[in-house]
PDB file of N, CA and C in Angstrom:
ATOM      1  N   MET A   1     103.970 129.700  38.036  1.00  0.00           N
ATOM      2  CA  MET A   1     103.096 128.062  38.074  1.00  0.00           C
ATOM      3  C   MET A   1     102.541 128.936  40.170  1.00  0.00           C
ATOM      4  N   THR A   2     101.652 127.743  40.356  1.00  0.00           N
ATOM      5  CA  THR A   2     100.609 128.873  41.386  1.00  0.00           C
ATOM      6  C   THR A   2     101.074 127.706  42.546  1.00  0.00           C
ATOM      7  N   ASP A   3     100.387 127.776  43.726  1.00  0.00           N
ATOM      8  CA  ASP A   3     100.420 127.331  44.658  1.00  0.00           C
ATOM      9  C   ASP A   3     100.725 125.877  44.289  1.00  0.00           C
ATOM     10  N   ARG A   4      99.639 125.248  44.427  1.00  0.00           N
ATOM     11  CA  ARG A   4      98.674 124.215  44.260  1.00  0.00           C
ATOM     12  C   ARG A   4     100.069 123.146  43.298  1.00  0.00           C
ATOM     13  N   GLU A   5      99.936 124.218  42.033  1.00  0.00           N
ATOM     14  CA  GLU A   5     101.171 123.243  41.268  1.00  0.00           C
ATOM     15  C   GLU A   5     102.235 123.263  41.857  1.00  0.00           C
ATOM     16  N   ARG A   6     103.244 124.144  42.323  1.00  0.00           N
ATOM     17  CA  ARG A   6     103.993 123.908  43.372  1.00  0.00           C
ATOM     18  C   ARG A   6     103.791 122.979  43.982  1.00  0.00           C
ATOM     19  N   PHE A   7     102.492 123.021  44.618  1.00  0.00           N
ATOM     20  CA  PHE A   7     102.788 122.214  46.473  1.00  0.00           C
ATOM     21  C   PHE A   7     102.474 120.480  45.234  1.00  0.00           C
ATOM     22  N   GLU A   8     101.575 120.674  44.647  1.00  0.00           N
ATOM     23  CA  GLU A   8     101.211 118.920  44.284  1.00  0.00           C
ATOM     24  C   GLU A   8     102.660 118.116  43.405  1.00  0.00           C
ATOM     25  N   ARG A   9     103.359 119.029  42.614  1.00  0.00           N
ATOM     26  CA  ARG A   9     104.413 118.868  41.926  1.00  0.00           C
ATOM     27  C   ARG A   9     106.144 118.509  43.658  1.00  0.00           C
ATOM     28  N   ILE A  10     105.485 119.092  44.003  1.00  0.00           N
ATOM     29  CA  ILE A  10     106.338 118.296  45.486  1.00  0.00           C
ATOM     30  C   ILE A  10     106.155 117.019  46.692  1.00  0.00           C
ATOM     31  N   VAL A  11     105.047 116.952  46.367  1.00  0.00           N
ATOM     32  CA  VAL A  11     104.515 116.247  47.439  1.00  0.00           C
ATOM     33  C   VAL A  11     104.984 114.653  46.057  1.00  0.00           C
ATOM     34  N   SER A  12     104.497 114.947  44.944  1.00  0.00           N
ATOM     35  CA  SER A  12     104.260 113.935  44.070  1.00  0.00           C
ATOM     36  C   SER A  12     105.665 113.478  43.804  1.00  0.00           C
ATOM     37  N   MET A  13     105.834 114.505  44.370  1.00  0.00           N
ATOM     38  CA  MET A  13     108.019 113.329  43.814  1.00  0.00           C
ATOM     39  C   MET A  13     108.391 112.730  44.730  1.00  0.00           C
ATOM     40  N   SER A  14     109.471 111.512  44.529  1.00  0.00           N
ATOM     41  CA  SER A  14     111.118 111.193  45.982  1.00  0.00           C
ATOM     42  C   SER A  14     110.904 111.942  46.651  1.00  0.00           C
ATOM     43  N   PRO A  15     110.669 111.577  48.153  1.00  0.00           N
ATOM     44  CA  PRO A  15     110.051 110.737  49.035  1.00  0.00           C
ATOM     45  C   PRO A  15     108.876 110.340  49.194  1.00  0.00           C
ATOM     46  N   PHE A  16     108.307 111.169  48.786  1.00  0.00           N
ATOM     47  CA  PHE A  16     107.037 111.655  48.997  1.00  0.00           C
ATOM     48  C   PHE A  16     105.915 110.499  48.540  1.00  0.00           C
ATOM     49  N   GLU A  17     105.968 111.324  46.706  1.00  0.00           N
ATOM     50  CA  GLU A  17     106.006 110.015  46.210  1.00  0.00           C
ATOM     51  C   GLU A  17     103.470 109.854  46.058  1.00  0.00           C
ATOM     52  N   LEU A  18     103.111 111.369  47.042  1.00  0.00           N
ATOM     53  CA  LEU A  18     101.264 110.681  46.632  1.00  0.00           C
ATOM     54  C   LEU A  18     101.326 110.907  45.472  1.00  0.00           C
ATOM     55  N   ASN A  19      99.516 110.534  45.957  1.00  0.00           N
ATOM     56  CA  ASN A  19      98.851 110.913  44.679  1.00  0.00           C
ATOM     57  C   ASN A  19      97.867 111.687  44.984  1.00  0.00           C
ATOM     58  N   CYS A  20      98.166 112.955  43.876  1.00  0.00           N
ATOM     59  CA  CYS A  20      97.370 113.706  43.551  1.00  0.00           C
ATOM     60  C   CYS A  20      96.034 113.919  43.038  1.00  0.00           C
ATOM     61  N   ALA A  21      95.856 112.755  42.548  1.00  0.00           N
ATOM     62  CA  ALA A  21      94.120 112.833  42.403  1.00  0.00           C
ATOM     63  C   ALA A  21      93.121 113.935  43.030  1.00  0.00           C
ATOM     64  N   ARG A  22      92.075 114.932  42.432  1.00  0.00           N
ATOM     65  CA  ARG A  22      91.119 115.247  43.052  1.00  0.00           C
ATOM     66  C   ARG A  22      90.154 114.680  42.559  1.00  0.00           C
ATOM     67  N   TYR A  23      88.781 115.279  43.415  1.00  0.00           N
ATOM     68  CA  TYR A  23      87.617 115.109  43.301  1.00  0.00           C
ATOM     69  C   TYR A  23      87.311 115.648  42.357  1.00  0.00           C
ATOM     70  N   PRO A  24      86.068 115.620  41.894  1.00  0.00           N
ATOM     71  CA  PRO A  24      85.720 116.844  40.626  1.00  0.00           C
ATOM     72  C   PRO A  24      84.908 117.873  40.595  1.00  0.00           C
ATOM     73  N   ASN A  25      85.088 119.066  40.446  1.00  0.00           N
ATOM     74  CA  ASN A  25      84.080 119.921  40.712  1.00  0.00           C
ATOM     75  C   ASN A  25      83.076 120.287  40.671  1.00  0.00           C
ATOM     76  N   SER A  26      82.501 119.645  40.975  1.00  0.00           N
ATOM     77  CA  SER A  26      81.125 118.906  40.953  1.00  0.00           C
ATOM     78  C   SER A  26      80.274 119.108  41.956  1.00  0.00           C
ATOM     79  N   VAL A  27      79.008 119.092  42.095  1.00  0.00           N
ATOM     80  CA  VAL A  27      78.768 119.642  43.283  1.00  0.00           C
ATOM     81  C   VAL A  27      78.019 118.301  43.728  1.00  0.00           C
ATOM     82  N   SER A  28      78.171 116.416  42.651  1.00  0.00           N
ATOM     83  CA  SER A  28      77.967 115.930  43.087  1.00  0.00           C
ATOM     84  C   SER A  28      78.529 115.208  43.888  1.00  0.00           C
ATOM     85  N   TYR A  29      79.236 115.657  44.455  1.00  0.00           N
ATOM     86  CA  TYR A  29      81.013 115.028  44.859  1.00  0.00           C
ATOM     87  C   TYR A  29      80.123 115.757  46.171  1.00  0.00           C
ATOM     88  N   ALA A  30      81.072 115.449  47.429  1.00  0.00           N
ATOM     89  CA  ALA A  30      81.019 115.895  48.810  1.00  0.00           C
ATOM     90  C   ALA A  30      81.491 116.753  49.054  1.00  0.00           C
ATOM     91  N   TRP A  31      83.044 116.292  48.485  1.00  0.00           N
ATOM     92  CA  TRP A  31      84.077 116.815  48.738  1.00  0.00           C
ATOM     93  C   TRP A  31      84.814 117.976  46.899  1.00  0.00           C
ATOM     94  N   PRO A  32      83.938 118.445  46.733  1.00  0.00           N
ATOM     95  CA  PRO A  32      84.517 118.711  45.406  1.00  0.00           C
ATOM     96  C   PRO A  32      85.792 119.647  46.159  1.00  0.00           C
ATOM     97  N   GLY A  33      86.538 119.239  43.941  1.00  0.00           N
ATOM     98  CA  GLY A  33      87.568 119.671  43.819  1.00  0.00           C
ATOM     99  C   GLY A  33      88.754 119.510  45.079  1.00  0.00           C
ATOM    100  N   ASN A  34      88.372 118.415  46.116  1.00  0.00           N
ATOM    101  CA  ASN A  34      89.761 117.926  47.784  1.00  0.00           C
ATOM    102  C   ASN A  34      90.697 116.808  47.048  1.00  0.00           C
ATOM    103  N   TYR A  35      92.001 116.799  47.224  1.00  0.00           N
ATOM    104  CA  TYR A  35      92.183 115.821  47.026  1.00  0.00           C
ATOM    105  C   TYR A  35      91.382 114.243  48.082  1.00  0.00           C
ATOM    106  N   ARG A  36      91.413 113.275  46.134  1.00  0.00           N
ATOM    107  CA  ARG A  36      91.123 111.906  47.013  1.00  0.00           C
ATOM    108  C   ARG A  36      91.151 111.075  48.248  1.00  0.00           C
ATOM    109  N   GLU A  37      92.748 110.889  48.032  1.00  0.00           N
ATOM    110  CA  GLU A  37      93.693 111.052  49.888  1.00  0.00           C
ATOM    111  C   GLU A  37      93.404 112.254  50.910  1.00  0.00           C
ATOM    112  N   TYR A  38      93.249 111.904  51.363  1.00  0.00           N
ATOM    113  CA  TYR A  38      93.280 112.617  52.866  1.00  0.00           C
ATOM    114  C   TYR A  38      94.203 113.036  53.610  1.00  0.00           C
ATOM    115  N   GLN A  39      95.360 112.752  53.547  1.00  0.00           N
ATOM    116  CA  GLN A  39      96.605 113.257  54.164  1.00  0.00           C
ATOM    117  C   GLN A  39      97.204 113.920  53.100  1.00  0.00           C
ATOM    118  N   VAL A  40      96.404 113.713  51.967  1.00  0.00           N
ATOM    119  CA  VAL A  40      97.552 115.008  50.740  1.00  0.00           C
ATOM    120  C   VAL A  40      96.049 116.162  50.764  1.00  0.00           C
ATOM    121  N   GLN A  41      94.637 116.046  50.948  1.00  0.00           N
ATOM    122  CA  GLN A  41      94.033 116.767  51.722  1.00  0.00           C
ATOM    123  C   GLN A  41      94.656 117.660  52.719  1.00  0.00           C
ATOM    124  N   LEU A  42      94.541 117.245  53.570  1.00  0.00           N
ATOM    125  CA  LEU A  42      95.650 117.388  54.983  1.00  0.00           C
ATOM    126  C   LEU A  42      96.297 118.348  54.765  1.00  0.00           C
ATOM    127  N   CYS A  43      97.592 117.771  54.317  1.00  0.00           N
ATOM    128  CA  CYS A  43      99.544 118.986  54.268  1.00  0.00           C
ATOM    129  C   CYS A  43      98.554 120.100  52.950  1.00  0.00           C
ATOM    130  N   TRP A  44      97.853 119.792  52.028  1.00  0.00           N
ATOM    131  CA  TRP A  44      97.474 120.997  51.267  1.00  0.00           C
ATOM    132  C   TRP A  44      96.744 122.111  52.256  1.00  0.00           C
ATOM    133  N   ASP A  45      95.824 121.772  52.804  1.00  0.00           N
ATOM    134  CA  ASP A  45      95.000 122.418  53.783  1.00  0.00           C
ATOM    135  C   ASP A  45      96.280 123.461  54.816  1.00  0.00           C
ATOM    136  N   VAL A  46      97.301 122.490  55.417  1.00  0.00           N
ATOM    137  CA  VAL A  46      98.056 123.047  56.219  1.00  0.00           C
ATOM    138  C   VAL A  46      98.881 124.352  55.436  1.00  0.00           C
ATOM    139  N   CYS A  47      99.883 123.646  53.943  1.00  0.00           N
ATOM    140  CA  CYS A  47     100.014 124.645  53.816  1.00  0.00           C
ATOM    141  C   CYS A  47      99.845 125.750  53.240  1.00  0.00           C
ATOM    142  N   GLN A  48      98.556 125.906  53.053  1.00  0.00           N
ATOM    143  CA  GLN A  48      96.878 127.095  53.036  1.00  0.00           C
ATOM    144  C   GLN A  48      97.388 127.700  54.421  1.00  0.00           C
ATOM    145  N   SER A  49      96.842 127.133  55.118  1.00  0.00           N
ATOM    146  CA  SER A  49      97.594 128.084  56.730  1.00  0.00           C
ATOM    147  C   SER A  49      98.354 128.958  56.987  1.00  0.00           C
ATOM    148  N   TYR A  50      99.996 128.043  56.132  1.00  0.00           N
ATOM    149  CA  TYR A  50     100.661 129.395  56.124  1.00  0.00           C
ATOM    150  C   TYR A  50     100.984 129.417  55.548  1.00  0.00           C
ATOM    151  N   ALA A  51     100.866 130.021  54.056  1.00  0.00           N
ATOM    152  CA  ALA A  51     101.240 131.160  53.237  1.00  0.00           C
ATOM    153  C   ALA A  51     100.381 131.900  52.701  1.00  0.00           C
ATOM    154  N   LYS A  52      98.573 132.190  53.407  1.00  0.00           N
ATOM    155  CA  LYS A  52      97.918 132.629  52.815  1.00  0.00           C
ATOM    156  C   LYS A  52      98.927 134.146  53.970  1.00  0.00           C
ATOM    157  N   PRO A  53      99.303 133.957  55.528  1.00  0.00           N
ATOM    158  CA  PRO A  53      99.649 135.563  55.593  1.00  0.00           C
ATOM    159  C   PRO A  53     101.137 136.838  54.756  1.00  0.00           C
ATOM    160  N   LEU A  54     101.780 134.551  54.819  1.00  0.00           N
ATOM    161  CA  LEU A  54     102.979 135.205  53.517  1.00  0.00           C
ATOM    162  C   LEU A  54     103.246 136.212  52.599  1.00  0.00           C
ATOM    163  N   HIS A  55     101.158 135.860  52.158  1.00  0.00           N
ATOM    164  CA  HIS A  55     100.724 136.489  50.585  1.00  0.00           C
ATOM    165  C   HIS A  55     100.315 137.539  50.920  1.00  0.00           C
ATOM    166  N   ALA A  56      99.715 137.894  52.114  1.00  0.00           N
ATOM    167  CA  ALA A  56      98.804 139.373  52.183  1.00  0.00           C
ATOM    168  C   ALA A  56     100.002 139.871  52.348  1.00  0.00           C
ATOM    169  N   GLU A  57     101.020 139.725  53.798  1.00  0.00           N
ATOM    170  CA  GLU A  57     102.834 140.065  53.817  1.00  0.00           C
ATOM    171  C   GLU A  57     103.115 140.429  52.321  1.00  0.00           C
ATOM    172  N   ILE A  58     103.370 139.918  51.325  1.00  0.00           N
ATOM    173  CA  ILE A  58     104.129 139.913  50.154  1.00  0.00           C
ATOM    174  C   ILE A  58     103.216 141.253  49.307  1.00  0.00           C
ATOM    175  N   ALA A  59     101.604 141.331  49.645  1.00  0.00           N
ATOM    176  CA  ALA A  59     101.400 142.343  48.883  1.00  0.00           C
ATOM    177  C   ALA A  59     101.146 143.262  49.274  1.00  0.00           C
ATOM    178  N   ASP A  60     101.585 143.511  50.736  1.00  0.00           N
ATOM    179  CA  ASP A  60     101.649 144.360  50.976  1.00  0.00           C
ATOM    180  C   ASP A  60     103.476 145.394  51.788  1.00  0.00           C
ATOM    181  N   LEU A  61     104.443 144.017  51.126  1.00  0.00           N
ATOM    182  CA  LEU A  61     105.593 145.564  51.078  1.00  0.00           C
ATOM    183  C   LEU A  61     105.914 145.372  49.453  1.00  0.00           C
ATOM    184  N   LYS A  62     104.361 144.436  48.306  1.00  0.00           N
ATOM    185  CA  LYS A  62     104.878 145.612  47.466  1.00  0.00           C
ATOM    186  C   LYS A  62     103.794 147.074  46.598  1.00  0.00           C
ATOM    187  N   LEU A  63     103.275 147.457  47.970  1.00  0.00           N
ATOM    188  CA  LEU A  63     102.196 147.962  47.642  1.00  0.00           C
ATOM    189  C   LEU A  63     103.345 149.439  48.214  1.00  0.00           C
ATOM    190  N   LYS A  64     104.203 148.778  49.476  1.00  0.00           N
ATOM    191  CA  LYS A  64     105.723 149.955  49.614  1.00  0.00           C
ATOM    192  C   LYS A  64     106.704 150.154  48.934  1.00  0.00           C
ATOM    193  N   LEU A  65     106.713 149.004  47.998  1.00  0.00           N
ATOM    194  CA  LEU A  65     107.847 149.120  47.177  1.00  0.00           C
ATOM    195  C   LEU A  65     107.192 150.426  46.586  1.00  0.00           C
ATOM    196  N   GLU A  66     106.107 149.892  45.292  1.00  0.00           N
ATOM    197  CA  GLU A  66     105.508 151.220  44.644  1.00  0.00           C
ATOM    198  C   GLU A  66     106.020 152.384  45.204  1.00  0.00           C
ATOM    199  N   ALA A  67     104.642 152.607  46.918  1.00  0.00           N
ATOM    200  CA  ALA A  67     104.567 154.069  47.012  1.00  0.00           C
ATOM    201  C   ALA A  67     105.848 154.827  47.142  1.00  0.00           C
ATOM    202  N   SER A  68     107.543 154.007  47.743  1.00  0.00           N
ATOM    203  CA  SER A  68     108.327 154.518  48.033  1.00  0.00           C
ATOM    204  C   SER A  68     109.086 154.132  46.090  1.00  0.00           C
ATOM    205  N   ASP A  69     108.421 154.033  45.313  1.00  0.00           N
ATOM    206  CA  ASP A  69     109.554 154.321  43.616  1.00  0.00           C
ATOM    207  C   ASP A  69     109.044 155.243  43.032  1.00  0.00           C
ATOM    208  N   ALA A  70     107.325 155.783  44.081  1.00  0.00           N
ATOM    209  CA  ALA A  70     107.583 156.541  43.336  1.00  0.00           C
ATOM    210  C   ALA A  70     108.157 158.081  43.720  1.00  0.00           C
ATOM    211  N   ALA A  71     107.765 158.035  44.891  1.00  0.00           N
ATOM    212  CA  ALA A  71     108.121 158.537  45.875  1.00  0.00           C
ATOM    213  C   ALA A  71     109.699 159.529  45.521  1.00  0.00           C
ATOM    214  N   PHE A  72     110.677 158.390  45.032  1.00  0.00           N
ATOM    215  CA  PHE A  72     112.227 158.237  44.357  1.00  0.00           C
ATOM    216  C   PHE A  72     111.920 159.066  43.161  1.00  0.00           C
ATOM    217  N   MET A  73     111.514 158.835  41.942  1.00  0.00           N
ATOM    218  CA  MET A  73     110.857 159.061  40.704  1.00  0.00           C
ATOM    219  C   MET A  73     110.358 161.031  41.236  1.00  0.00           C
ATOM    220  N   ALA A  74     109.896 160.780  42.262  1.00  0.00           N
ATOM    221  CA  ALA A  74     109.144 162.541  42.234  1.00  0.00           C
ATOM    222  C   ALA A  74     110.995 163.457  42.349  1.00  0.00           C
ATOM    223  N   VAL A  75     110.824 162.629  43.926  1.00  0.00           N
ATOM    224  CA  VAL A  75     112.157 163.246  44.579  1.00  0.00           C
ATOM    225  C   VAL A  75     113.523 163.891  43.034  1.00  0.00           C
ATOM    226  N   ARG A  76     113.529 162.325  42.171  1.00  0.00           N
ATOM    227  CA  ARG A  76     114.305 162.648  41.623  1.00  0.00           C
ATOM    228  C   ARG A  76     114.176 163.850  39.997  1.00  0.00           C
ATOM    229  N   LYS A  77     112.931 163.515  39.974  1.00  0.00           N
ATOM    230  CA  LYS A  77     112.498 164.623  38.777  1.00  0.00           C
ATOM    231  C   LYS A  77     112.412 165.943  39.841  1.00  0.00           C
ATOM    232  N   GLU A  78     112.284 166.622  40.929  1.00  0.00           N
ATOM    233  CA  GLU A  78     112.191 167.578  41.270  1.00  0.00           C
ATOM    234  C   GLU A  78     114.055 167.875  41.662  1.00  0.00           C
ATOM    235  N   LEU A  79     115.670 167.111  41.172  1.00  0.00           N
ATOM    236  CA  LEU A  79     116.201 167.205  41.148  1.00  0.00           C
ATOM    237  C   LEU A  79     116.552 167.790  39.831  1.00  0.00           C
ATOM    238  N   LEU A  80     115.676 166.912  38.949  1.00  0.00           N
ATOM    239  CA  LEU A  80     116.610 167.705  37.597  1.00  0.00           C
ATOM    240  C   LEU A  80     116.144 168.535  37.143  1.00  0.00           C
ATOM    241  N   ASP A  81     114.398 169.148  37.618  1.00  0.00           N
ATOM    242  CA  ASP A  81     113.568 170.186  37.608  1.00  0.00           C
ATOM    243  C   ASP A  81     114.916 171.495  37.740  1.00  0.00           C
ATOM    244  N   MET A  82     116.035 171.126  39.009  1.00  0.00           N
ATOM    245  CA  MET A  82     116.243 172.509  39.799  1.00  0.00           C
ATOM    246  C   MET A  82     117.571 172.647  38.747  1.00  0.00           C
ATOM    247  N   GLY A  83     117.498 171.763  37.985  1.00  0.00           N
ATOM    248  CA  GLY A  83     118.792 171.917  37.369  1.00  0.00           C
ATOM    249  C   GLY A  83     120.338 170.839  37.270  1.00  0.00           C
ATOM    250  N   GLY A  84     119.882 169.457  37.992  1.00  0.00           N
ATOM    251  CA  GLY A  84     120.959 168.824  38.961  1.00  0.00           C
ATOM    252  C   GLY A  84     121.402 168.013  37.651  1.00  0.00           C
ATOM    253  N   GLY A  85     121.404 167.604  37.069  1.00  0.00           N
ATOM    254  CA  GLY A  85     121.124 166.963  35.746  1.00  0.00           C
ATOM    255  C   GLY A  85     120.909 166.353  34.324  1.00  0.00           C
ATOM    256  N   LYS A  86     120.912 165.752  33.803  1.00  0.00           N
ATOM    257  CA  LYS A  86     119.405 165.779  31.780  1.00  0.00           C
ATOM    258  C   LYS A  86     118.319 164.285  32.959  1.00  0.00           C
TER     259      LYS A  86
END
């Protein structure tokens, strides 16, 4: 589920029940792809501004985890090669 899908599910449910209709993604509209209701667009923009640094942090943590996993596997292989196990 994408951020937008999660957002739309939350704001369209009770108690908010906001309309998540958007303008078509066409240059013939002043705000293509934006929500038709200004308060919904404002909420989406705020959610995006808070989510952006979190997504960057998650990506960084994934890279660190992959590096840590690779280091662990290298040490494990070295120990196994020394006869420390199967």
